[in-house]
Amino acid sequence: MDYGVIAIVAICVLVLVIGVLKQKAKLVFQFFARAAVGLVCIYFCNEFLAMQHISVSVGLNPVSFLTVGALGFGGFALLYGIMFYQLL
Protein backbone atom coordinates (compact mmCIF):
# COMPACT_ATOMS: atom_id res chain seq x y z
CA MET A 1 0.00 0.00 0.00
CA ASP A 2 2.79 2.43 0.85
CA TYR A 3 4.53 1.80 -2.47
CA GLY A 4 1.34 2.66 -4.35
CA VAL A 5 1.03 6.02 -2.59
CA ILE A 6 4.70 6.78 -3.18
CA ALA A 7 4.34 5.88 -6.87
CA ILE A 8 1.28 8.13 -7.27
CA VAL A 9 3.04 11.04 -5.54
CA ALA A 10 6.16 10.52 -7.67
CA ILE A 11 4.11 10.51 -10.88
CA CYS A 12 2.27 13.68 -9.82
CA VAL A 13 5.56 15.43 -9.03
CA LEU A 14 7.00 14.30 -12.37
CA VAL A 15 3.98 15.70 -14.24
CA LEU A 16 4.31 19.03 -12.40
CA VAL A 17 8.05 19.22 -13.15
CA ILE A 18 7.42 18.53 -16.84
CA GLY A 19 4.79 21.29 -16.90
CA VAL A 20 7.11 23.81 -15.26
CA LEU A 21 10.02 22.90 -17.54
CA LYS A 22 7.80 23.28 -20.58
CA GLN A 23 6.93 26.82 -19.51
CA LYS A 24 10.52 27.65 -18.61
CA ALA A 25 12.04 26.08 -21.74
CA LYS A 26 12.42 29.50 -23.36
CA LEU A 27 14.52 30.77 -20.45
CA VAL A 28 16.70 27.66 -20.47
CA PHE A 29 17.20 27.93 -24.23
CA GLN A 30 18.15 31.61 -23.96
CA PHE A 31 20.63 30.83 -21.18
CA PHE A 32 22.39 28.14 -23.20
CA ALA A 33 22.31 30.25 -26.38
CA ARG A 34 23.91 33.22 -24.56
CA ALA A 35 26.46 30.93 -22.95
CA ALA A 36 27.42 29.26 -26.24
CA VAL A 37 27.75 32.55 -28.13
CA GLY A 38 29.64 34.04 -25.20
CA LEU A 39 32.16 31.23 -25.08
CA VAL A 40 32.75 31.52 -28.81
CA CYS A 41 33.26 35.29 -28.41
CA ILE A 42 35.68 34.70 -25.52
CA TYR A 43 37.68 32.28 -27.66
CA PHE A 44 37.97 34.72 -30.57
CA CYS A 45 38.69 37.65 -28.28
CA ASN A 46 41.47 35.65 -26.59
CA GLU A 47 42.93 34.84 -29.99
CA PHE A 48 42.72 38.48 -31.12
CA LEU A 49 44.42 39.73 -27.95
CA ALA A 50 47.14 37.10 -28.32
CA MET A 51 47.83 38.28 -31.89
CA GLN A 52 48.16 41.83 -30.55
CA HIS A 53 50.63 40.58 -27.89
CA ILE A 54 48.33 41.58 -25.02
CA SER A 55 48.67 39.15 -22.14
CA VAL A 56 45.00 39.06 -21.13
CA SER A 57 43.10 35.81 -21.47
CA VAL A 58 39.80 34.67 -20.00
CA GLY A 59 39.57 30.96 -19.37
CA LEU A 60 36.93 28.78 -20.98
CA ASN A 61 35.58 27.04 -17.88
CA PRO A 62 32.28 26.46 -16.07
CA VAL A 63 32.52 29.78 -14.21
CA SER A 64 32.83 31.79 -17.43
CA PHE A 65 30.05 29.63 -18.95
CA LEU A 66 27.69 30.47 -16.08
CA THR A 67 28.69 34.15 -16.00
CA VAL A 68 28.17 34.74 -19.70
CA GLY A 69 25.04 32.58 -19.76
CA ALA A 70 23.41 34.46 -16.90
CA LEU A 71 24.56 38.01 -17.70
CA GLY A 72 25.07 37.95 -21.46
CA PHE A 73 27.26 40.71 -22.86
CA GLY A 74 27.54 42.23 -19.39
CA GLY A 75 29.13 39.01 -18.15
CA PHE A 76 31.51 39.00 -21.10
CA ALA A 77 32.58 42.56 -20.32
CA LEU A 78 32.82 41.73 -16.61
CA LEU A 79 35.21 38.83 -17.22
CA TYR A 80 37.50 40.92 -19.41
CA GLY A 81 37.23 43.86 -17.05
CA ILE A 82 38.44 41.70 -14.18
CA MET A 83 41.34 40.42 -16.26
CA PHE A 84 42.39 43.91 -17.37
CA TYR A 85 42.10 45.13 -13.77
CA GLN A 86 44.50 42.36 -12.66
CA LEU A 87 46.90 43.48 -15.36
CA LEU A 88 47.27 46.88 -13.69
PDB file of N, CA and C in Angstrom:
ATOM      1  N   MET A   1       0.826  -1.196   0.000  1.00  0.00           N
ATOM      2  CA  MET A   1       0.000   0.000   0.000  1.00  0.00           C
ATOM      3  C   MET A   1       0.866   1.253   0.000  1.00  0.00           C
ATOM      4  N   ASP A   2       1.925   1.255   0.777  1.00  0.00           N
ATOM      5  CA  ASP A   2       2.793   2.426   0.845  1.00  0.00           C
ATOM      6  C   ASP A   2       3.486   2.684  -0.488  1.00  0.00           C
ATOM      7  N   TYR A   3       3.866   1.630  -1.183  1.00  0.00           N
ATOM      8  CA  TYR A   3       4.532   1.803  -2.469  1.00  0.00           C
ATOM      9  C   TYR A   3       3.585   2.420  -3.494  1.00  0.00           C
ATOM     10  N   GLY A   4       2.319   2.089  -3.429  1.00  0.00           N
ATOM     11  CA  GLY A   4       1.336   2.658  -4.346  1.00  0.00           C
ATOM     12  C   GLY A   4       1.194   4.156  -4.144  1.00  0.00           C
ATOM     13  N   VAL A   5       1.142   4.595  -2.896  1.00  0.00           N
ATOM     14  CA  VAL A   5       1.030   6.019  -2.592  1.00  0.00           C
ATOM     15  C   VAL A   5       2.295   6.749  -3.040  1.00  0.00           C
ATOM     16  N   ILE A   6       3.439   6.175  -2.775  1.00  0.00           N
ATOM     17  CA  ILE A   6       4.704   6.781  -3.184  1.00  0.00           C
ATOM     18  C   ILE A   6       4.770   6.892  -4.700  1.00  0.00           C
ATOM     19  N   ALA A   7       4.322   5.858  -5.408  1.00  0.00           N
ATOM     20  CA  ALA A   7       4.337   5.875  -6.869  1.00  0.00           C
ATOM     21  C   ALA A   7       3.409   6.960  -7.404  1.00  0.00           C
ATOM     22  N   ILE A   8       2.232   7.108  -6.824  1.00  0.00           N
ATOM     23  CA  ILE A   8       1.280   8.129  -7.266  1.00  0.00           C
ATOM     24  C   ILE A   8       1.848   9.527  -7.020  1.00  0.00           C
ATOM     25  N   VAL A   9       2.441   9.735  -5.854  1.00  0.00           N
ATOM     26  CA  VAL A   9       3.035  11.037  -5.538  1.00  0.00           C
ATOM     27  C   VAL A   9       4.196  11.327  -6.496  1.00  0.00           C
ATOM     28  N   ALA A  10       5.024  10.330  -6.762  1.00  0.00           N
ATOM     29  CA  ALA A  10       6.158  10.518  -7.667  1.00  0.00           C
ATOM     30  C   ALA A  10       5.678  10.871  -9.072  1.00  0.00           C
ATOM     31  N   ILE A  11       4.648  10.218  -9.551  1.00  0.00           N
ATOM     32  CA  ILE A  11       4.113  10.510 -10.880  1.00  0.00           C
ATOM     33  C   ILE A  11       3.528  11.914 -10.920  1.00  0.00           C
ATOM     34  N   CYS A  12       2.821  12.319  -9.872  1.00  0.00           N
ATOM     35  CA  CYS A  12       2.267  13.678  -9.819  1.00  0.00           C
ATOM     36  C   CYS A  12       3.380  14.722  -9.819  1.00  0.00           C
ATOM     37  N   VAL A  13       4.434  14.501  -9.057  1.00  0.00           N
ATOM     38  CA  VAL A  13       5.562  15.432  -9.028  1.00  0.00           C
ATOM     39  C   VAL A  13       6.230  15.486 -10.394  1.00  0.00           C
ATOM     40  N   LEU A  14       6.395  14.348 -11.047  1.00  0.00           N
ATOM     41  CA  LEU A  14       6.998  14.299 -12.372  1.00  0.00           C
ATOM     42  C   LEU A  14       6.175  15.088 -13.387  1.00  0.00           C
ATOM     43  N   VAL A  15       4.852  14.951 -13.333  1.00  0.00           N
ATOM     44  CA  VAL A  15       3.981  15.695 -14.244  1.00  0.00           C
ATOM     45  C   VAL A  15       4.095  17.197 -13.988  1.00  0.00           C
ATOM     46  N   LEU A  16       4.150  17.609 -12.722  1.00  0.00           N
ATOM     47  CA  LEU A  16       4.306  19.026 -12.396  1.00  0.00           C
ATOM     48  C   LEU A  16       5.649  19.565 -12.877  1.00  0.00           C
ATOM     49  N   VAL A  17       6.714  18.790 -12.702  1.00  0.00           N
ATOM     50  CA  VAL A  17       8.047  19.220 -13.147  1.00  0.00           C
ATOM     51  C   VAL A  17       8.078  19.373 -14.667  1.00  0.00           C
ATOM     52  N   ILE A  18       7.468  18.445 -15.382  1.00  0.00           N
ATOM     53  CA  ILE A  18       7.425  18.535 -16.843  1.00  0.00           C
ATOM     54  C   ILE A  18       6.656  19.775 -17.273  1.00  0.00           C
ATOM     55  N   GLY A  19       5.554  20.081 -16.582  1.00  0.00           N
ATOM     56  CA  GLY A  19       4.786  21.287 -16.903  1.00  0.00           C
ATOM     57  C   GLY A  19       5.576  22.558 -16.668  1.00  0.00           C
ATOM     58  N   VAL A  20       6.304  22.624 -15.562  1.00  0.00           N
ATOM     59  CA  VAL A  20       7.107  23.806 -15.259  1.00  0.00           C
ATOM     60  C   VAL A  20       8.245  23.948 -16.257  1.00  0.00           C
ATOM     61  N   LEU A  21       8.914  22.844 -16.584  1.00  0.00           N
ATOM     62  CA  LEU A  21      10.017  22.903 -17.541  1.00  0.00           C
ATOM     63  C   LEU A  21       9.543  23.311 -18.927  1.00  0.00           C
ATOM     64  N   LYS A  22       8.335  22.902 -19.277  1.00  0.00           N
ATOM     65  CA  LYS A  22       7.797  23.282 -20.579  1.00  0.00           C
ATOM     66  C   LYS A  22       7.590  24.789 -20.639  1.00  0.00           C
ATOM     67  N   GLN A  23       7.129  25.377 -19.552  1.00  0.00           N
ATOM     68  CA  GLN A  23       6.926  26.818 -19.511  1.00  0.00           C
ATOM     69  C   GLN A  23       8.254  27.563 -19.441  1.00  0.00           C
ATOM     70  N   LYS A  24       9.237  26.997 -18.794  1.00  0.00           N
ATOM     71  CA  LYS A  24      10.523  27.653 -18.613  1.00  0.00           C
ATOM     72  C   LYS A  24      11.531  27.276 -19.693  1.00  0.00           C
ATOM     73  N   ALA A  25      11.116  26.533 -20.692  1.00  0.00           N
ATOM     74  CA  ALA A  25      12.038  26.081 -21.735  1.00  0.00           C
ATOM     75  C   ALA A  25      12.652  27.260 -22.480  1.00  0.00           C
ATOM     76  N   LYS A  26      11.897  28.331 -22.657  1.00  0.00           N
ATOM     77  CA  LYS A  26      12.422  29.502 -23.357  1.00  0.00           C
ATOM     78  C   LYS A  26      13.584  30.115 -22.579  1.00  0.00           C
ATOM     79  N   LEU A  27      13.446  30.217 -21.268  1.00  0.00           N
ATOM     80  CA  LEU A  27      14.524  30.768 -20.447  1.00  0.00           C
ATOM     81  C   LEU A  27      15.768  29.888 -20.485  1.00  0.00           C
ATOM     82  N   VAL A  28      15.565  28.593 -20.426  1.00  0.00           N
ATOM     83  CA  VAL A  28      16.695  27.657 -20.469  1.00  0.00           C
ATOM     84  C   VAL A  28      17.392  27.747 -21.824  1.00  0.00           C
ATOM     85  N   PHE A  29      16.608  27.815 -22.894  1.00  0.00           N
ATOM     86  CA  PHE A  29      17.198  27.926 -24.230  1.00  0.00           C
ATOM     87  C   PHE A  29      17.996  29.219 -24.365  1.00  0.00           C
ATOM     88  N   GLN A  30      17.438  30.336 -23.878  1.00  0.00           N
ATOM     89  CA  GLN A  30      18.145  31.611 -23.956  1.00  0.00           C
ATOM     90  C   GLN A  30      19.443  31.575 -23.160  1.00  0.00           C
ATOM     91  N   PHE A  31      19.423  30.943 -21.997  1.00  0.00           N
ATOM     92  CA  PHE A  31      20.630  30.828 -21.182  1.00  0.00           C
ATOM     93  C   PHE A  31      21.724  30.095 -21.948  1.00  0.00           C
ATOM     94  N   PHE A  32      21.387  28.930 -22.496  1.00  0.00           N
ATOM     95  CA  PHE A  32      22.389  28.142 -23.202  1.00  0.00           C
ATOM     96  C   PHE A  32      22.833  28.819 -24.497  1.00  0.00           C
ATOM     97  N   ALA A  33      21.926  29.534 -25.170  1.00  0.00           N
ATOM     98  CA  ALA A  33      22.314  30.252 -26.384  1.00  0.00           C
ATOM     99  C   ALA A  33      23.288  31.379 -26.040  1.00  0.00           C
ATOM    100  N   ARG A  34      22.997  32.154 -24.980  1.00  0.00           N
ATOM    101  CA  ARG A  34      23.911  33.221 -24.563  1.00  0.00           C
ATOM    102  C   ARG A  34      25.251  32.648 -24.142  1.00  0.00           C
ATOM    103  N   ALA A  35      25.217  31.535 -23.421  1.00  0.00           N
ATOM    104  CA  ALA A  35      26.465  30.931 -22.952  1.00  0.00           C
ATOM    105  C   ALA A  35      27.302  30.431 -24.126  1.00  0.00           C
ATOM    106  N   ALA A  36      26.676  29.783 -25.093  1.00  0.00           N
ATOM    107  CA  ALA A  36      27.420  29.257 -26.243  1.00  0.00           C
ATOM    108  C   ALA A  36      28.021  30.392 -27.066  1.00  0.00           C
ATOM    109  N   VAL A  37      27.232  31.412 -27.359  1.00  0.00           N
ATOM    110  CA  VAL A  37      27.747  32.549 -28.131  1.00  0.00           C
ATOM    111  C   VAL A  37      28.833  33.261 -27.333  1.00  0.00           C
ATOM    112  N   GLY A  38      28.639  33.388 -26.041  1.00  0.00           N
ATOM    113  CA  GLY A  38      29.635  34.044 -25.197  1.00  0.00           C
ATOM    114  C   GLY A  38      30.960  33.318 -25.175  1.00  0.00           C
ATOM    115  N   LEU A  39      30.918  31.994 -25.091  1.00  0.00           N
ATOM    116  CA  LEU A  39      32.162  31.227 -25.083  1.00  0.00           C
ATOM    117  C   LEU A  39      32.891  31.324 -26.421  1.00  0.00           C
ATOM    118  N   VAL A  40      32.131  31.348 -27.500  1.00  0.00           N
ATOM    119  CA  VAL A  40      32.755  31.522 -28.813  1.00  0.00           C
ATOM    120  C   VAL A  40      33.394  32.909 -28.901  1.00  0.00           C
ATOM    121  N   CYS A  41      32.704  33.928 -28.395  1.00  0.00           N
ATOM    122  CA  CYS A  41      33.263  35.286 -28.406  1.00  0.00           C
ATOM    123  C   CYS A  41      34.509  35.378 -27.526  1.00  0.00           C
ATOM    124  N   ILE A  42      34.500  34.713 -26.386  1.00  0.00           N
ATOM    125  CA  ILE A  42      35.679  34.699 -25.515  1.00  0.00           C
ATOM    126  C   ILE A  42      36.857  34.062 -26.245  1.00  0.00           C
ATOM    127  N   TYR A  43      36.604  32.951 -26.924  1.00  0.00           N
ATOM    128  CA  TYR A  43      37.679  32.277 -27.659  1.00  0.00           C
ATOM    129  C   TYR A  43      38.296  33.209 -28.701  1.00  0.00           C
ATOM    130  N   PHE A  44      37.447  33.850 -29.519  1.00  0.00           N
ATOM    131  CA  PHE A  44      37.970  34.720 -30.566  1.00  0.00           C
ATOM    132  C   PHE A  44      38.610  35.973 -29.992  1.00  0.00           C
ATOM    133  N   CYS A  45      38.080  36.479 -28.906  1.00  0.00           N
ATOM    134  CA  CYS A  45      38.687  37.651 -28.278  1.00  0.00           C
ATOM    135  C   CYS A  45      40.055  37.285 -27.689  1.00  0.00           C
ATOM    136  N   ASN A  46      40.167  36.107 -27.089  1.00  0.00           N
ATOM    137  CA  ASN A  46      41.466  35.652 -26.586  1.00  0.00           C
ATOM    138  C   ASN A  46      42.476  35.533 -27.724  1.00  0.00           C
ATOM    139  N   GLU A  47      42.045  34.986 -28.845  1.00  0.00           N
ATOM    140  CA  GLU A  47      42.931  34.839 -29.995  1.00  0.00           C
ATOM    141  C   GLU A  47      43.354  36.206 -30.538  1.00  0.00           C
ATOM    142  N   PHE A  48      42.407  37.141 -30.627  1.00  0.00           N
ATOM    143  CA  PHE A  48      42.720  38.480 -31.120  1.00  0.00           C
ATOM    144  C   PHE A  48      43.724  39.178 -30.201  1.00  0.00           C
ATOM    145  N   LEU A  49      43.498  39.089 -28.897  1.00  0.00           N
ATOM    146  CA  LEU A  49      44.417  39.730 -27.952  1.00  0.00           C
ATOM    147  C   LEU A  49      45.800  39.083 -27.993  1.00  0.00           C
ATOM    148  N   ALA A  50      45.851  37.774 -28.213  1.00  0.00           N
ATOM    149  CA  ALA A  50      47.145  37.095 -28.321  1.00  0.00           C
ATOM    150  C   ALA A  50      47.895  37.561 -29.567  1.00  0.00           C
ATOM    151  N   MET A  51      47.176  37.779 -30.679  1.00  0.00           N
ATOM    152  CA  MET A  51      47.828  38.275 -31.893  1.00  0.00           C
ATOM    153  C   MET A  51      48.352  39.692 -31.702  1.00  0.00           C
ATOM    154  N   GLN A  52      47.731  40.460 -30.827  1.00  0.00           N
ATOM    155  CA  GLN A  52      48.164  41.826 -30.545  1.00  0.00           C
ATOM    156  C   GLN A  52      49.224  41.881 -29.450  1.00  0.00           C
ATOM    157  N   HIS A  53      49.629  40.708 -28.957  1.00  0.00           N
ATOM    158  CA  HIS A  53      50.625  40.575 -27.890  1.00  0.00           C
ATOM    159  C   HIS A  53      50.172  41.234 -26.586  1.00  0.00           C
ATOM    160  N   ILE A  54      48.884  41.095 -26.289  1.00  0.00           N
ATOM    161  CA  ILE A  54      48.326  41.576 -25.024  1.00  0.00           C
ATOM    162  C   ILE A  54      48.101  40.349 -24.154  1.00  0.00           C
ATOM    163  N   SER A  55      48.695  40.345 -22.992  1.00  0.00           N
ATOM    164  CA  SER A  55      48.673  39.146 -22.144  1.00  0.00           C
ATOM    165  C   SER A  55      47.436  39.083 -21.247  1.00  0.00           C
ATOM    166  N   VAL A  56      46.270  39.192 -21.848  1.00  0.00           N
ATOM    167  CA  VAL A  56      45.003  39.058 -21.129  1.00  0.00           C
ATOM    168  C   VAL A  56      44.242  37.915 -21.772  1.00  0.00           C
ATOM    169  N   SER A  57      43.817  36.967 -20.956  1.00  0.00           N
ATOM    170  CA  SER A  57      43.098  35.814 -21.474  1.00  0.00           C
ATOM    171  C   SER A  57      42.082  35.356 -20.437  1.00  0.00           C
ATOM    172  N   VAL A  58      40.850  35.197 -20.868  1.00  0.00           N
ATOM    173  CA  VAL A  58      39.798  34.675 -20.002  1.00  0.00           C
ATOM    174  C   VAL A  58      39.688  33.185 -20.274  1.00  0.00           C
ATOM    175  N   GLY A  59      39.648  32.402 -19.220  1.00  0.00           N
ATOM    176  CA  GLY A  59      39.571  30.956 -19.374  1.00  0.00           C
ATOM    177  C   GLY A  59      38.202  30.492 -19.824  1.00  0.00           C
ATOM    178  N   LEU A  60      38.183  29.412 -20.578  1.00  0.00           N
ATOM    179  CA  LEU A  60      36.934  28.779 -20.976  1.00  0.00           C
ATOM    180  C   LEU A  60      36.651  27.670 -19.969  1.00  0.00           C
ATOM    181  N   ASN A  61      35.854  27.982 -18.964  1.00  0.00           N
ATOM    182  CA  ASN A  61      35.577  27.042 -17.884  1.00  0.00           C
ATOM    183  C   ASN A  61      34.131  27.203 -17.433  1.00  0.00           C
ATOM    184  N   PRO A  62      33.680  26.378 -16.508  1.00  0.00           N
ATOM    185  CA  PRO A  62      32.281  26.463 -16.070  1.00  0.00           C
ATOM    186  C   PRO A  62      31.905  27.814 -15.460  1.00  0.00           C
ATOM    187  N   VAL A  63      32.840  28.487 -14.809  1.00  0.00           N
ATOM    188  CA  VAL A  63      32.523  29.781 -14.213  1.00  0.00           C
ATOM    189  C   VAL A  63      32.249  30.813 -15.300  1.00  0.00           C
ATOM    190  N   SER A  64      33.075  30.846 -16.337  1.00  0.00           N
ATOM    191  CA  SER A  64      32.825  31.787 -17.433  1.00  0.00           C
ATOM    192  C   SER A  64      31.554  31.396 -18.193  1.00  0.00           C
ATOM    193  N   PHE A  65      31.284  30.109 -18.320  1.00  0.00           N
ATOM    194  CA  PHE A  65      30.047  29.632 -18.954  1.00  0.00           C
ATOM    195  C   PHE A  65      28.827  30.152 -18.205  1.00  0.00           C
ATOM    196  N   LEU A  66      28.824  30.008 -16.885  1.00  0.00           N
ATOM    197  CA  LEU A  66      27.693  30.466 -16.082  1.00  0.00           C
ATOM    198  C   LEU A  66      27.583  31.989 -16.081  1.00  0.00           C
ATOM    199  N   THR A  67      28.707  32.687 -16.025  1.00  0.00           N
ATOM    200  CA  THR A  67      28.688  34.148 -15.996  1.00  0.00           C
ATOM    201  C   THR A  67      28.132  34.712 -17.293  1.00  0.00           C
ATOM    202  N   VAL A  68      28.643  34.235 -18.412  1.00  0.00           N
ATOM    203  CA  VAL A  68      28.174  34.741 -19.699  1.00  0.00           C
ATOM    204  C   VAL A  68      26.745  34.275 -19.970  1.00  0.00           C
ATOM    205  N   GLY A  69      26.406  33.069 -19.557  1.00  0.00           N
ATOM    206  CA  GLY A  69      25.043  32.581 -19.763  1.00  0.00           C
ATOM    207  C   GLY A  69      24.020  33.364 -18.961  1.00  0.00           C
ATOM    208  N   ALA A  70      24.356  33.739 -17.745  1.00  0.00           N
ATOM    209  CA  ALA A  70      23.411  34.456 -16.897  1.00  0.00           C
ATOM    210  C   ALA A  70      23.357  35.945 -17.227  1.00  0.00           C
ATOM    211  N   LEU A  71      24.512  36.557 -17.530  1.00  0.00           N
ATOM    212  CA  LEU A  71      24.564  38.010 -17.700  1.00  0.00           C
ATOM    213  C   LEU A  71      24.660  38.467 -19.148  1.00  0.00           C
ATOM    214  N   GLY A  72      24.966  37.566 -20.059  1.00  0.00           N
ATOM    215  CA  GLY A  72      25.069  37.946 -21.463  1.00  0.00           C
ATOM    216  C   GLY A  72      26.302  38.783 -21.732  1.00  0.00           C
ATOM    217  N   PHE A  73      26.126  39.863 -22.510  1.00  0.00           N
ATOM    218  CA  PHE A  73      27.257  40.715 -22.858  1.00  0.00           C
ATOM    219  C   PHE A  73      27.862  41.363 -21.620  1.00  0.00           C
ATOM    220  N   GLY A  74      27.027  41.663 -20.636  1.00  0.00           N
ATOM    221  CA  GLY A  74      27.544  42.234 -19.387  1.00  0.00           C
ATOM    222  C   GLY A  74      28.508  41.290 -18.693  1.00  0.00           C
ATOM    223  N   GLY A  75      28.225  39.997 -18.722  1.00  0.00           N
ATOM    224  CA  GLY A  75      29.128  39.013 -18.145  1.00  0.00           C
ATOM    225  C   GLY A  75      30.423  38.910 -18.927  1.00  0.00           C
ATOM    226  N   PHE A  76      30.322  39.004 -20.240  1.00  0.00           N
ATOM    227  CA  PHE A  76      31.510  39.003 -21.104  1.00  0.00           C
ATOM    228  C   PHE A  76      32.410  40.182 -20.748  1.00  0.00           C
ATOM    229  N   ALA A  77      31.811  41.357 -20.660  1.00  0.00           N
ATOM    230  CA  ALA A  77      32.576  42.559 -20.316  1.00  0.00           C
ATOM    231  C   ALA A  77      33.133  42.466 -18.900  1.00  0.00           C
ATOM    232  N   LEU A  78      32.369  41.890 -17.992  1.00  0.00           N
ATOM    233  CA  LEU A  78      32.821  41.725 -16.613  1.00  0.00           C
ATOM    234  C   LEU A  78      34.065  40.849 -16.538  1.00  0.00           C
ATOM    235  N   LEU A  79      34.059  39.739 -17.248  1.00  0.00           N
ATOM    236  CA  LEU A  79      35.213  38.834 -17.222  1.00  0.00           C
ATOM    237  C   LEU A  79      36.464  39.515 -17.759  1.00  0.00           C
ATOM    238  N   TYR A  80      36.337  40.226 -18.874  1.00  0.00           N
ATOM    239  CA  TYR A  80      37.503  40.922 -19.414  1.00  0.00           C
ATOM    240  C   TYR A  80      37.889  42.119 -18.561  1.00  0.00           C
ATOM    241  N   GLY A  81      36.917  42.758 -17.950  1.00  0.00           N
ATOM    242  CA  GLY A  81      37.226  43.860 -17.045  1.00  0.00           C
ATOM    243  C   GLY A  81      38.041  43.400 -15.858  1.00  0.00           C
ATOM    244  N   ILE A  82      37.682  42.257 -15.304  1.00  0.00           N
ATOM    245  CA  ILE A  82      38.444  41.700 -14.179  1.00  0.00           C
ATOM    246  C   ILE A  82      39.868  41.365 -14.613  1.00  0.00           C
ATOM    247  N   MET A  83      40.014  40.785 -15.795  1.00  0.00           N
ATOM    248  CA  MET A  83      41.342  40.418 -16.260  1.00  0.00           C
ATOM    249  C   MET A  83      42.209  41.647 -16.537  1.00  0.00           C
ATOM    250  N   PHE A  84      41.618  42.681 -17.131  1.00  0.00           N
ATOM    251  CA  PHE A  84      42.394  43.911 -17.373  1.00  0.00           C
ATOM    252  C   PHE A  84      42.724  44.610 -16.065  1.00  0.00           C
ATOM    253  N   TYR A  85      41.827  44.530 -15.089  1.00  0.00           N
ATOM    254  CA  TYR A  85      42.102  45.129 -13.775  1.00  0.00           C
ATOM    255  C   TYR A  85      43.286  44.418 -13.109  1.00  0.00           C
ATOM    256  N   GLN A  86      43.363  43.099 -13.245  1.00  0.00           N
ATOM    257  CA  GLN A  86      44.496  42.355 -12.659  1.00  0.00           C
ATOM    258  C   GLN A  86      45.794  42.698 -13.371  1.00  0.00           C
ATOM    259  N   LEU A  87      45.710  43.118 -14.614  1.00  0.00           N
ATOM    260  CA  LEU A  87      46.896  43.477 -15.365  1.00  0.00           C
ATOM    261  C   LEU A  87      47.552  44.758 -14.836  1.00  0.00           C
ATOM    262  N   LEU A  88      46.722  45.614 -14.216  1.00  0.00           N
ATOM    263  CA  LEU A  88      47.268  46.883 -13.693  1.00  0.00           C
ATOM    264  C   LEU A  88      48.162  46.638 -12.562  1.00  0.00           C
TER     265      LEU A  88
END
